[in-house]
Amino acid sequence: MVQTFRYLVTTARPRQWLKNASLFTGLIFTGWLFLPEKFWTVVWAAVLFSFLTSAVYIINDIIDAPSDRLHPLKKMRPIAAGKLPVPIALFVAILLASFGLFFAVNLSFFFFFLSLSYLALHLLYSLYLKRVAIIDVLAIASGFILRVYAGAVAIDAHINVWLLLCVVSFSLFLAIGKRRSERTLLEAKGVDQTRKVLTHYPENLLNIYTSMFANTTWLTYTLFTFLQPSIIPEGKLLTLMSVVPRAFVNQKLLMVTVPVVIYGVMRYLQLIYEKGEGESPEKVLLSDKPLLTAVFLWGILVVGVIYGIG
């Protein structure tokens, strides 16, 4: 029983819950981070999405078990290795998905709709879309966009158009980086039967895609920091920003975060090309100290600028 539970946790991929931090985008950039009601609503929304995320990964592992057994790394997954019975895994996946959707209805109709859309998208991805070149990458990116909007509708927050474009570009950047790292790994292992869609991504094409979305990521973020209108944060800890001249108020100072974002993009590119990493973005983030430091510094600067803390 203990072993089965451990295999279930492994298959549920709790590390992937890190991606659900994107639900906090609207909360942070609307100026509501320190409003308890808004904050805990988004926390609960992120928890519900985590249940859906785990349900999706379990179902994906059930569907992909035959091909995973041919993969140099994925063959060790509990379901592919035969350590976790499929009926138990399927039951837990249905339970997690049902729990997430049930409470999503109580939170907000639109949040429920986006949650259901997220679940349907990833089920369709596991069954078919992952085998269609370009569409597979767009589907992965759409998952991030749905997360951002789900967090926003949970508290009725506004998403700036430039911030949305940045999220789109960043999502595509991560998705392409994932495909490039998968291709590098399988070529190094001499295996190509597990991901036939990768044959439609020549190395030169992946390089072009990677460069394209790396550039649009930092550029759209820069335009967001330049053009985002000033806001007066509710619930901020200090009121320093309310007494300084307009020229220095709030979002204009977000420009100081641009160099950190550019460094983060460049560091991620280095990890993709030099070390062949990127197949698991959350693993890269948690294991690479320079990149983790950049993300931490960016978070401090963003909160400091918007809320006048520091």
C-alpha atoms as a PDB file:
ATOM      1  CA  MET A   1       0.000   0.000   0.000  1.00  0.00           C
ATOM      2  CA  VAL A   2       2.794   2.421   0.916  1.00  0.00           C
ATOM      3  CA  GLN A   3       4.635   1.587  -2.299  1.00  0.00           C
ATOM      4  CA  THR A   4       1.472   2.095  -4.348  1.00  0.00           C
ATOM      5  CA  PHE A   5       0.914   5.485  -2.732  1.00  0.00           C
ATOM      6  CA  ARG A   6       4.506   6.451  -3.464  1.00  0.00           C
ATOM      7  CA  TYR A   7       4.117   5.460  -7.099  1.00  0.00           C
ATOM      8  CA  LEU A   8       0.882   7.456  -7.297  1.00  0.00           C
ATOM      9  CA  VAL A   9       2.643  10.558  -5.973  1.00  0.00           C
ATOM     10  CA  THR A  10       5.455  10.071  -8.479  1.00  0.00           C
ATOM     11  CA  THR A  11       2.977   9.715 -11.356  1.00  0.00           C
ATOM     12  CA  ALA A  12       0.979  12.747 -10.186  1.00  0.00           C
ATOM     13  CA  ARG A  13       4.159  14.849 -10.629  1.00  0.00           C
ATOM     14  CA  PRO A  14       3.762  17.373  -7.776  1.00  0.00           C
ATOM     15  CA  ARG A  15       6.806  19.191  -9.154  1.00  0.00           C
ATOM     16  CA  GLN A  16       4.643  20.212 -12.106  1.00  0.00           C
ATOM     17  CA  TRP A  17       2.416  22.180  -9.745  1.00  0.00           C
ATOM     18  CA  LEU A  18       5.047  24.902  -9.966  1.00  0.00           C
ATOM     19  CA  LYS A  19       3.539  25.826 -13.331  1.00  0.00           C
ATOM     20  CA  ASN A  20       0.333  26.803 -11.540  1.00  0.00           C
ATOM     21  CA  ALA A  21       2.157  29.771 -10.031  1.00  0.00           C
ATOM     22  CA  SER A  22       1.135  31.465 -13.298  1.00  0.00           C
ATOM     23  CA  LEU A  23      -2.380  31.791 -11.819  1.00  0.00           C
ATOM     24  CA  PHE A  24      -0.972  34.571  -9.619  1.00  0.00           C
ATOM     25  CA  THR A  25      -0.138  36.774 -12.647  1.00  0.00           C
ATOM     26  CA  GLY A  26      -3.342  38.784 -12.593  1.00  0.00           C
ATOM     27  CA  LEU A  27      -3.287  39.109  -8.805  1.00  0.00           C
ATOM     28  CA  ILE A  28       0.248  40.509  -8.706  1.00  0.00           C
ATOM     29  CA  PHE A  29       0.051  42.929 -11.630  1.00  0.00           C
ATOM     30  CA  THR A  30      -3.377  44.250 -10.646  1.00  0.00           C
ATOM     31  CA  GLY A  31      -2.029  45.394  -7.282  1.00  0.00           C
ATOM     32  CA  TRP A  32      -4.089  43.017  -5.140  1.00  0.00           C
ATOM     33  CA  LEU A  33      -1.346  40.742  -3.807  1.00  0.00           C
ATOM     34  CA  PHE A  34      -1.804  41.855  -0.199  1.00  0.00           C
ATOM     35  CA  LEU A  35      -5.586  41.739  -0.180  1.00  0.00           C
ATOM     36  CA  PRO A  36      -6.251  38.587   1.900  1.00  0.00           C
ATOM     37  CA  GLU A  37      -9.557  37.717   0.226  1.00  0.00           C
ATOM     38  CA  LYS A  38      -8.093  37.982  -3.281  1.00  0.00           C
ATOM     39  CA  PHE A  39      -4.851  36.243  -2.326  1.00  0.00           C
ATOM     40  CA  TRP A  40      -6.449  33.186  -0.738  1.00  0.00           C
ATOM     41  CA  THR A  41      -8.934  32.898  -3.587  1.00  0.00           C
ATOM     42  CA  VAL A  42      -6.057  32.551  -6.050  1.00  0.00           C
ATOM     43  CA  VAL A  43      -4.272  30.128  -3.718  1.00  0.00           C
ATOM     44  CA  TRP A  44      -7.385  27.939  -3.697  1.00  0.00           C
ATOM     45  CA  ALA A  45      -7.647  28.267  -7.485  1.00  0.00           C
ATOM     46  CA  ALA A  46      -4.026  27.122  -7.811  1.00  0.00           C
ATOM     47  CA  VAL A  47      -4.734  24.141  -5.550  1.00  0.00           C
ATOM     48  CA  LEU A  48      -7.693  23.115  -7.726  1.00  0.00           C
ATOM     49  CA  PHE A  49      -5.569  23.440 -10.861  1.00  0.00           C
ATOM     50  CA  SER A  50      -2.935  21.282  -9.200  1.00  0.00           C
ATOM     51  CA  PHE A  51      -5.497  18.499  -8.846  1.00  0.00           C
ATOM     52  CA  LEU A  52      -6.372  18.854 -12.528  1.00  0.00           C
ATOM     53  CA  THR A  53      -2.691  18.928 -13.486  1.00  0.00           C
ATOM     54  CA  SER A  54      -1.987  15.698 -11.646  1.00  0.00           C
ATOM     55  CA  ALA A  55      -5.067  14.046 -13.156  1.00  0.00           C
ATOM     56  CA  VAL A  56      -3.846  14.980 -16.619  1.00  0.00           C
ATOM     57  CA  TYR A  57      -0.358  13.564 -16.013  1.00  0.00           C
ATOM     58  CA  ILE A  58      -1.709  10.284 -14.681  1.00  0.00           C
ATOM     59  CA  ILE A  59      -4.010   9.830 -17.688  1.00  0.00           C
ATOM     60  CA  ASN A  60      -1.178  10.827 -20.018  1.00  0.00           C
ATOM     61  CA  ASP A  61       1.060   8.134 -18.510  1.00  0.00           C
ATOM     62  CA  ILE A  62      -1.690   5.538 -18.972  1.00  0.00           C
ATOM     63  CA  ILE A  63      -2.115   6.455 -22.640  1.00  0.00           C
ATOM     64  CA  ASP A  64       1.630   6.692 -23.312  1.00  0.00           C
ATOM     65  CA  ALA A  65       2.681   3.556 -21.419  1.00  0.00           C
ATOM     66  CA  PRO A  66       3.469   1.513 -24.578  1.00  0.00           C
ATOM     67  CA  SER A  67       5.699   4.211 -26.102  1.00  0.00           C
ATOM     68  CA  ASP A  68       7.191   5.161 -22.728  1.00  0.00           C
ATOM     69  CA  ARG A  69       8.590   1.631 -22.428  1.00  0.00           C
ATOM     70  CA  LEU A  70      10.767   2.413 -25.464  1.00  0.00           C
ATOM     71  CA  HIS A  71      12.017   5.716 -24.061  1.00  0.00           C
ATOM     72  CA  PRO A  72      15.429   5.742 -22.312  1.00  0.00           C
ATOM     73  CA  LEU A  73      14.089   7.693 -19.327  1.00  0.00           C
ATOM     74  CA  LYS A  74      10.298   7.438 -19.392  1.00  0.00           C
ATOM     75  CA  LYS A  75      10.436   3.641 -19.232  1.00  0.00           C
ATOM     76  CA  MET A  76      11.109   4.047 -15.507  1.00  0.00           C
ATOM     77  CA  ARG A  77       7.753   5.715 -14.875  1.00  0.00           C
ATOM     78  CA  PRO A  78       5.595   3.602 -12.510  1.00  0.00           C
ATOM     79  CA  ILE A  79       2.845   2.803 -15.010  1.00  0.00           C
ATOM     80  CA  ALA A  80       5.213   2.063 -17.911  1.00  0.00           C
ATOM     81  CA  ALA A  81       7.354  -0.090 -15.626  1.00  0.00           C
ATOM     82  CA  GLY A  82       4.316  -2.031 -14.431  1.00  0.00           C
ATOM     83  CA  LYS A  83       4.726  -0.939 -10.824  1.00  0.00           C
ATOM     84  CA  LEU A  84       1.440   0.982 -10.646  1.00  0.00           C
ATOM     85  CA  PRO A  85      -1.733  -0.872 -11.767  1.00  0.00           C
ATOM     86  CA  VAL A  86      -3.669   1.001 -14.447  1.00  0.00           C
ATOM     87  CA  PRO A  87      -7.114   0.630 -12.726  1.00  0.00           C
ATOM     88  CA  ILE A  88      -5.810   2.267  -9.539  1.00  0.00           C
ATOM     89  CA  ALA A  89      -4.117   5.077 -11.487  1.00  0.00           C
ATOM     90  CA  LEU A  90      -7.252   5.707 -13.561  1.00  0.00           C
ATOM     91  CA  PHE A  91      -9.473   5.771 -10.475  1.00  0.00           C
ATOM     92  CA  VAL A  92      -7.230   8.343  -8.769  1.00  0.00           C
ATOM     93  CA  ALA A  93      -7.095  10.476 -11.937  1.00  0.00           C
ATOM     94  CA  ILE A  94     -10.898  10.546 -12.218  1.00  0.00           C
ATOM     95  CA  LEU A  95     -11.155  11.332  -8.500  1.00  0.00           C
ATOM     96  CA  LEU A  96      -8.704  14.253  -8.760  1.00  0.00           C
ATOM     97  CA  ALA A  97     -10.383  15.666 -11.872  1.00  0.00           C
ATOM     98  CA  SER A  98     -13.863  15.366 -10.323  1.00  0.00           C
ATOM     99  CA  PHE A  99     -12.707  17.030  -7.108  1.00  0.00           C
ATOM    100  CA  GLY A 100     -11.100  19.901  -9.001  1.00  0.00           C
ATOM    101  CA  LEU A 101     -14.087  20.551 -11.242  1.00  0.00           C
ATOM    102  CA  PHE A 102     -16.624  20.242  -8.406  1.00  0.00           C
ATOM    103  CA  PHE A 103     -15.005  22.973  -6.347  1.00  0.00           C
ATOM    104  CA  ALA A 104     -14.243  25.041  -9.448  1.00  0.00           C
ATOM    105  CA  VAL A 105     -17.987  25.468  -9.954  1.00  0.00           C
ATOM    106  CA  ASN A 106     -18.325  26.925  -6.462  1.00  0.00           C
ATOM    107  CA  LEU A 107     -15.514  29.375  -7.096  1.00  0.00           C
ATOM    108  CA  SER A 108     -16.777  30.887 -10.344  1.00  0.00           C
ATOM    109  CA  PHE A 109     -18.603  29.781 -13.477  1.00  0.00           C
ATOM    110  CA  PHE A 110     -15.888  31.208 -15.708  1.00  0.00           C
ATOM    111  CA  PHE A 111     -13.187  29.612 -13.588  1.00  0.00           C
ATOM    112  CA  PHE A 112     -15.006  26.292 -13.972  1.00  0.00           C
ATOM    113  CA  PHE A 113     -15.236  26.824 -17.732  1.00  0.00           C
ATOM    114  CA  LEU A 114     -11.500  27.510 -17.997  1.00  0.00           C
ATOM    115  CA  SER A 115     -10.720  24.548 -15.737  1.00  0.00           C
ATOM    116  CA  LEU A 116     -12.847  22.273 -17.900  1.00  0.00           C
ATOM    117  CA  SER A 117     -11.204  23.710 -21.028  1.00  0.00           C
ATOM    118  CA  TYR A 118      -7.767  23.040 -19.532  1.00  0.00           C
ATOM    119  CA  LEU A 119      -8.700  19.441 -18.751  1.00  0.00           C
ATOM    120  CA  ALA A 120     -10.248  18.873 -22.195  1.00  0.00           C
ATOM    121  CA  LEU A 121      -7.269  20.445 -23.985  1.00  0.00           C
ATOM    122  CA  HIS A 122      -4.743  18.229 -22.243  1.00  0.00           C
ATOM    123  CA  LEU A 123      -6.798  15.083 -22.688  1.00  0.00           C
ATOM    124  CA  LEU A 124      -7.048  15.879 -26.386  1.00  0.00           C
ATOM    125  CA  TYR A 125      -3.309  16.593 -26.381  1.00  0.00           C
ATOM    126  CA  SER A 126      -2.540  13.204 -24.847  1.00  0.00           C
ATOM    127  CA  LEU A 127      -4.823  11.387 -27.274  1.00  0.00           C
ATOM    128  CA  TYR A 128      -4.018  13.196 -30.524  1.00  0.00           C
ATOM    129  CA  LEU A 129      -2.592  16.723 -30.583  1.00  0.00           C
ATOM    130  CA  LYS A 130       0.877  15.701 -29.344  1.00  0.00           C
ATOM    131  CA  ARG A 131       1.313  13.800 -32.606  1.00  0.00           C
ATOM    132  CA  VAL A 132       0.661  16.841 -34.824  1.00  0.00           C
ATOM    133  CA  ALA A 133       3.653  19.095 -35.438  1.00  0.00           C
ATOM    134  CA  ILE A 134       3.223  22.798 -34.511  1.00  0.00           C
ATOM    135  CA  ILE A 135      -0.250  22.111 -33.083  1.00  0.00           C
ATOM    136  CA  ASP A 136       1.415  20.169 -30.257  1.00  0.00           C
ATOM    137  CA  VAL A 137       3.497  23.200 -29.297  1.00  0.00           C
ATOM    138  CA  LEU A 138       0.504  25.542 -29.523  1.00  0.00           C
ATOM    139  CA  ALA A 139      -1.462  23.183 -27.264  1.00  0.00           C
ATOM    140  CA  ILE A 140       1.272  23.224 -24.608  1.00  0.00           C
ATOM    141  CA  ALA A 141       1.402  27.022 -24.726  1.00  0.00           C
ATOM    142  CA  SER A 142      -2.390  27.240 -24.491  1.00  0.00           C
ATOM    143  CA  GLY A 143      -2.225  25.437 -21.160  1.00  0.00           C
ATOM    144  CA  PHE A 144      -0.200  28.302 -19.678  1.00  0.00           C
ATOM    145  CA  ILE A 145      -2.567  30.915 -21.109  1.00  0.00           C
ATOM    146  CA  LEU A 146      -5.577  29.123 -19.612  1.00  0.00           C
ATOM    147  CA  ARG A 147      -3.804  29.115 -16.232  1.00  0.00           C
ATOM    148  CA  VAL A 148      -3.188  32.865 -16.367  1.00  0.00           C
ATOM    149  CA  TYR A 149      -6.777  33.621 -17.302  1.00  0.00           C
ATOM    150  CA  ALA A 150      -8.138  31.180 -14.725  1.00  0.00           C
ATOM    151  CA  GLY A 151      -6.283  33.025 -11.974  1.00  0.00           C
ATOM    152  CA  ALA A 152      -7.565  36.339 -13.307  1.00  0.00           C
ATOM    153  CA  VAL A 153     -11.243  35.375 -13.575  1.00  0.00           C
ATOM    154  CA  ALA A 154     -11.164  33.855 -10.085  1.00  0.00           C
ATOM    155  CA  ILE A 155     -10.750  37.381  -8.680  1.00  0.00           C
ATOM    156  CA  ASP A 156     -12.109  39.378 -11.653  1.00  0.00           C
ATOM    157  CA  ALA A 157      -8.685  40.865 -12.447  1.00  0.00           C
ATOM    158  CA  HIS A 158      -7.589  42.511 -15.693  1.00  0.00           C
ATOM    159  CA  ILE A 159      -4.781  41.119 -17.865  1.00  0.00           C
ATOM    160  CA  ASN A 160      -2.828  43.751 -19.794  1.00  0.00           C
ATOM    161  CA  VAL A 161      -2.606  42.888 -23.496  1.00  0.00           C
ATOM    162  CA  TRP A 162       1.195  43.204 -23.547  1.00  0.00           C
ATOM    163  CA  LEU A 163       1.485  40.975 -20.505  1.00  0.00           C
ATOM    164  CA  LEU A 164      -0.739  38.436 -22.257  1.00  0.00           C
ATOM    165  CA  LEU A 165       1.467  38.548 -25.354  1.00  0.00           C
ATOM    166  CA  CYS A 166       4.490  38.039 -23.116  1.00  0.00           C
ATOM    167  CA  VAL A 167       2.849  34.981 -21.551  1.00  0.00           C
ATOM    168  CA  VAL A 168       2.049  33.613 -25.017  1.00  0.00           C
ATOM    169  CA  SER A 169       5.628  34.128 -26.210  1.00  0.00           C
ATOM    170  CA  PHE A 170       7.130  32.704 -23.023  1.00  0.00           C
ATOM    171  CA  SER A 171       4.873  29.647 -23.216  1.00  0.00           C
ATOM    172  CA  LEU A 172       5.890  28.985 -26.811  1.00  0.00           C
ATOM    173  CA  PHE A 173       9.535  29.530 -25.861  1.00  0.00           C
ATOM    174  CA  LEU A 174       9.304  26.852 -23.166  1.00  0.00           C
ATOM    175  CA  ALA A 175       7.384  24.476 -25.448  1.00  0.00           C
ATOM    176  CA  ILE A 176       9.930  24.755 -28.256  1.00  0.00           C
ATOM    177  CA  GLY A 177      12.772  24.374 -25.764  1.00  0.00           C
ATOM    178  CA  LYS A 178      11.099  21.190 -24.543  1.00  0.00           C
ATOM    179  CA  ARG A 179      10.894  19.786 -28.071  1.00  0.00           C
ATOM    180  CA  ARG A 180      14.510  20.667 -28.808  1.00  0.00           C
ATOM    181  CA  SER A 181      15.761  18.985 -25.648  1.00  0.00           C
ATOM    182  CA  GLU A 182      13.665  15.878 -26.372  1.00  0.00           C
ATOM    183  CA  ARG A 183      15.166  15.642 -29.829  1.00  0.00           C
ATOM    184  CA  THR A 184      18.700  16.060 -28.484  1.00  0.00           C
ATOM    185  CA  LEU A 185      18.129  13.372 -25.846  1.00  0.00           C
ATOM    186  CA  LEU A 186      16.657  10.798 -28.210  1.00  0.00           C
ATOM    187  CA  GLU A 187      19.341  11.375 -30.834  1.00  0.00           C
ATOM    188  CA  ALA A 188      22.022  10.894 -28.183  1.00  0.00           C
ATOM    189  CA  LYS A 189      20.393   7.623 -27.105  1.00  0.00           C
ATOM    190  CA  GLY A 190      19.831   6.469 -30.674  1.00  0.00           C
ATOM    191  CA  VAL A 191      16.074   6.185 -30.118  1.00  0.00           C
ATOM    192  CA  ASP A 192      13.468   7.652 -32.450  1.00  0.00           C
ATOM    193  CA  GLN A 193      10.387   5.402 -32.176  1.00  0.00           C
ATOM    194  CA  THR A 194       8.896   7.128 -29.146  1.00  0.00           C
ATOM    195  CA  ARG A 195       8.308  10.622 -30.551  1.00  0.00           C
ATOM    196  CA  LYS A 196       7.643  10.487 -34.284  1.00  0.00           C
ATOM    197  CA  VAL A 197       6.418  14.085 -34.234  1.00  0.00           C
ATOM    198  CA  LEU A 198      10.017  15.144 -33.582  1.00  0.00           C
ATOM    199  CA  THR A 199      10.933  14.068 -37.112  1.00  0.00           C
ATOM    200  CA  HIS A 200       8.902  17.064 -38.298  1.00  0.00           C
ATOM    201  CA  TYR A 201      11.147  19.401 -36.309  1.00  0.00           C
ATOM    202  CA  PRO A 202      14.513  19.614 -38.088  1.00  0.00           C
ATOM    203  CA  GLU A 203      17.270  21.052 -35.913  1.00  0.00           C
ATOM    204  CA  ASN A 204      17.521  24.221 -38.005  1.00  0.00           C
ATOM    205  CA  LEU A 205      13.784  24.808 -37.714  1.00  0.00           C
ATOM    206  CA  LEU A 206      13.891  24.344 -33.938  1.00  0.00           C
ATOM    207  CA  ASN A 207      16.748  26.850 -33.765  1.00  0.00           C
ATOM    208  CA  ILE A 208      14.675  29.382 -35.693  1.00  0.00           C
ATOM    209  CA  TYR A 209      11.622  28.814 -33.495  1.00  0.00           C
ATOM    210  CA  THR A 210      13.712  29.062 -30.340  1.00  0.00           C
ATOM    211  CA  SER A 211      15.311  32.323 -31.436  1.00  0.00           C
ATOM    212  CA  MET A 212      11.967  33.755 -32.534  1.00  0.00           C
ATOM    213  CA  PHE A 213      10.137  33.128 -29.266  1.00  0.00           C
ATOM    214  CA  ALA A 214      13.136  34.036 -27.101  1.00  0.00           C
ATOM    215  CA  ASN A 215      13.143  37.460 -28.746  1.00  0.00           C
ATOM    216  CA  THR A 216       9.402  37.994 -28.540  1.00  0.00           C
ATOM    217  CA  THR A 217       9.427  36.989 -24.864  1.00  0.00           C
ATOM    218  CA  TRP A 218      11.771  39.707 -23.656  1.00  0.00           C
ATOM    219  CA  LEU A 219      10.499  42.251 -26.191  1.00  0.00           C
ATOM    220  CA  THR A 220       6.813  41.927 -25.274  1.00  0.00           C
ATOM    221  CA  TYR A 221       7.727  42.020 -21.588  1.00  0.00           C
ATOM    222  CA  THR A 222       9.724  45.208 -22.196  1.00  0.00           C
ATOM    223  CA  LEU A 223       6.785  46.817 -23.978  1.00  0.00           C
ATOM    224  CA  PHE A 224       4.565  45.772 -21.076  1.00  0.00           C
ATOM    225  CA  THR A 225       6.831  47.529 -18.565  1.00  0.00           C
ATOM    226  CA  PHE A 226       6.939  50.655 -20.770  1.00  0.00           C
ATOM    227  CA  LEU A 227       3.226  50.881 -21.498  1.00  0.00           C
ATOM    228  CA  GLN A 228       1.508  49.438 -18.420  1.00  0.00           C
ATOM    229  CA  PRO A 229      -0.532  52.282 -16.878  1.00  0.00           C
ATOM    230  CA  SER A 230       0.186  53.262 -13.303  1.00  0.00           C
ATOM    231  CA  ILE A 231      -1.953  51.657 -10.612  1.00  0.00           C
ATOM    232  CA  ILE A 232      -2.500  52.379  -6.946  1.00  0.00           C
ATOM    233  CA  PRO A 233      -2.116  49.016  -5.237  1.00  0.00           C
ATOM    234  CA  GLU A 234      -4.766  48.055  -2.712  1.00  0.00           C
ATOM    235  CA  GLY A 235      -3.550  46.482   0.466  1.00  0.00           C
ATOM    236  CA  LYS A 236       0.107  47.454  -0.004  1.00  0.00           C
ATOM    237  CA  LEU A 237       2.325  47.518   3.055  1.00  0.00           C
ATOM    238  CA  LEU A 238       3.823  50.964   2.515  1.00  0.00           C
ATOM    239  CA  THR A 239       2.538  54.115   0.811  1.00  0.00           C
ATOM    240  CA  LEU A 240       5.860  55.561  -0.274  1.00  0.00           C
ATOM    241  CA  MET A 241       4.964  55.452  -3.977  1.00  0.00           C
ATOM    242  CA  SER A 242       1.914  57.677  -3.419  1.00  0.00           C
ATOM    243  CA  VAL A 243       4.014  60.726  -2.506  1.00  0.00           C
ATOM    244  CA  VAL A 244       6.783  60.661  -5.112  1.00  0.00           C
ATOM    245  CA  PRO A 245       6.574  62.581  -8.426  1.00  0.00           C
ATOM    246  CA  ARG A 246       4.487  61.044 -11.200  1.00  0.00           C
ATOM    247  CA  ALA A 247       7.586  60.504 -13.330  1.00  0.00           C
ATOM    248  CA  PHE A 248       8.774  57.890 -10.853  1.00  0.00           C
ATOM    249  CA  VAL A 249       5.482  56.311  -9.978  1.00  0.00           C
ATOM    250  CA  ASN A 250       4.829  52.572 -10.064  1.00  0.00           C
ATOM    251  CA  GLN A 251       4.918  50.685 -13.318  1.00  0.00           C
ATOM    252  CA  LYS A 252       7.441  52.912 -15.079  1.00  0.00           C
ATOM    253  CA  LEU A 253       9.967  51.560 -12.622  1.00  0.00           C
ATOM    254  CA  LEU A 254       9.181  48.043 -13.812  1.00  0.00           C
ATOM    255  CA  MET A 255      11.730  48.798 -16.519  1.00  0.00           C
ATOM    256  CA  VAL A 256      14.433  47.908 -13.963  1.00  0.00           C
ATOM    257  CA  THR A 257      13.285  44.279 -14.209  1.00  0.00           C
ATOM    258  CA  VAL A 258      13.952  44.076 -17.959  1.00  0.00           C
ATOM    259  CA  PRO A 259      17.693  43.235 -17.653  1.00  0.00           C
ATOM    260  CA  VAL A 260      16.819  40.405 -15.261  1.00  0.00           C
ATOM    261  CA  VAL A 261      14.306  38.983 -17.750  1.00  0.00           C
ATOM    262  CA  ILE A 262      16.830  39.226 -20.590  1.00  0.00           C
ATOM    263  CA  TYR A 263      19.391  37.407 -18.441  1.00  0.00           C
ATOM    264  CA  GLY A 264      16.837  34.714 -17.610  1.00  0.00           C
ATOM    265  CA  VAL A 265      16.042  34.141 -21.287  1.00  0.00           C
ATOM    266  CA  MET A 266      19.737  34.009 -22.183  1.00  0.00           C
ATOM    267  CA  ARG A 267      20.505  31.610 -19.334  1.00  0.00           C
ATOM    268  CA  TYR A 268      17.679  29.290 -20.358  1.00  0.00           C
ATOM    269  CA  LEU A 269      18.974  29.317 -23.934  1.00  0.00           C
ATOM    270  CA  GLN A 270      22.411  28.422 -22.637  1.00  0.00           C
ATOM    271  CA  LEU A 271      20.992  25.464 -20.737  1.00  0.00           C
ATOM    272  CA  ILE A 272      19.127  24.262 -23.827  1.00  0.00           C
ATOM    273  CA  TYR A 273      22.064  24.509 -26.225  1.00  0.00           C
ATOM    274  CA  GLU A 274      25.046  23.820 -23.987  1.00  0.00           C
ATOM    275  CA  LYS A 275      23.645  21.179 -21.640  1.00  0.00           C
ATOM    276  CA  GLY A 276      20.691  19.854 -23.626  1.00  0.00           C
ATOM    277  CA  GLU A 277      18.295  20.686 -20.800  1.00  0.00           C
ATOM    278  CA  GLY A 278      14.797  22.074 -21.199  1.00  0.00           C
ATOM    279  CA  GLU A 279      12.711  18.903 -21.489  1.00  0.00           C
ATOM    280  CA  SER A 280      11.384  19.671 -18.001  1.00  0.00           C
ATOM    281  CA  PRO A 281      11.308  23.475 -17.494  1.00  0.00           C
ATOM    282  CA  GLU A 282      10.300  23.155 -13.836  1.00  0.00           C
ATOM    283  CA  LYS A 283      13.277  20.868 -13.187  1.00  0.00           C
ATOM    284  CA  VAL A 284      15.637  23.359 -14.832  1.00  0.00           C
ATOM    285  CA  LEU A 285      14.228  26.191 -12.754  1.00  0.00           C
ATOM    286  CA  LEU A 286      14.610  24.330  -9.477  1.00  0.00           C
ATOM    287  CA  SER A 287      18.064  22.918 -10.209  1.00  0.00           C
ATOM    288  CA  ASP A 288      19.915  25.766 -11.903  1.00  0.00           C
ATOM    289  CA  LYS A 289      21.071  28.262  -9.276  1.00  0.00           C
ATOM    290  CA  PRO A 290      21.760  31.231 -11.626  1.00  0.00           C
ATOM    291  CA  LEU A 291      18.311  30.914 -13.216  1.00  0.00           C
ATOM    292  CA  LEU A 292      16.598  30.418  -9.855  1.00  0.00           C
ATOM    293  CA  THR A 293      18.414  33.472  -8.512  1.00  0.00           C
ATOM    294  CA  ALA A 294      17.265  35.536 -11.498  1.00  0.00           C
ATOM    295  CA  VAL A 295      13.629  34.493 -10.964  1.00  0.00           C
ATOM    296  CA  PHE A 296      13.872  35.272  -7.253  1.00  0.00           C
ATOM    297  CA  LEU A 297      15.408  38.701  -7.950  1.00  0.00           C
ATOM    298  CA  TRP A 298      12.765  39.435 -10.575  1.00  0.00           C
ATOM    299  CA  GLY A 299      10.007  38.600  -8.088  1.00  0.00           C
ATOM    300  CA  ILE A 300      11.483  40.886  -5.434  1.00  0.00           C
ATOM    301  CA  LEU A 301      11.839  43.758  -7.905  1.00  0.00           C
ATOM    302  CA  VAL A 302       8.301  43.373  -9.273  1.00  0.00           C
ATOM    303  CA  VAL A 303       6.696  43.290  -5.824  1.00  0.00           C
ATOM    304  CA  GLY A 304       8.939  46.120  -4.626  1.00  0.00           C
ATOM    305  CA  VAL A 305       8.085  48.373  -7.550  1.00  0.00           C
ATOM    306  CA  ILE A 306       4.329  47.735  -7.665  1.00  0.00           C
ATOM    307  CA  TYR A 307       3.719  47.759  -3.916  1.00  0.00           C
ATOM    308  CA  GLY A 308       6.375  50.202  -2.761  1.00  0.00           C
ATOM    309  CA  ILE A 309       8.089  47.726  -0.463  1.00  0.00           C
ATOM    310  CA  GLY A 310      11.750  47.939   0.301  1.00  0.00           C
END
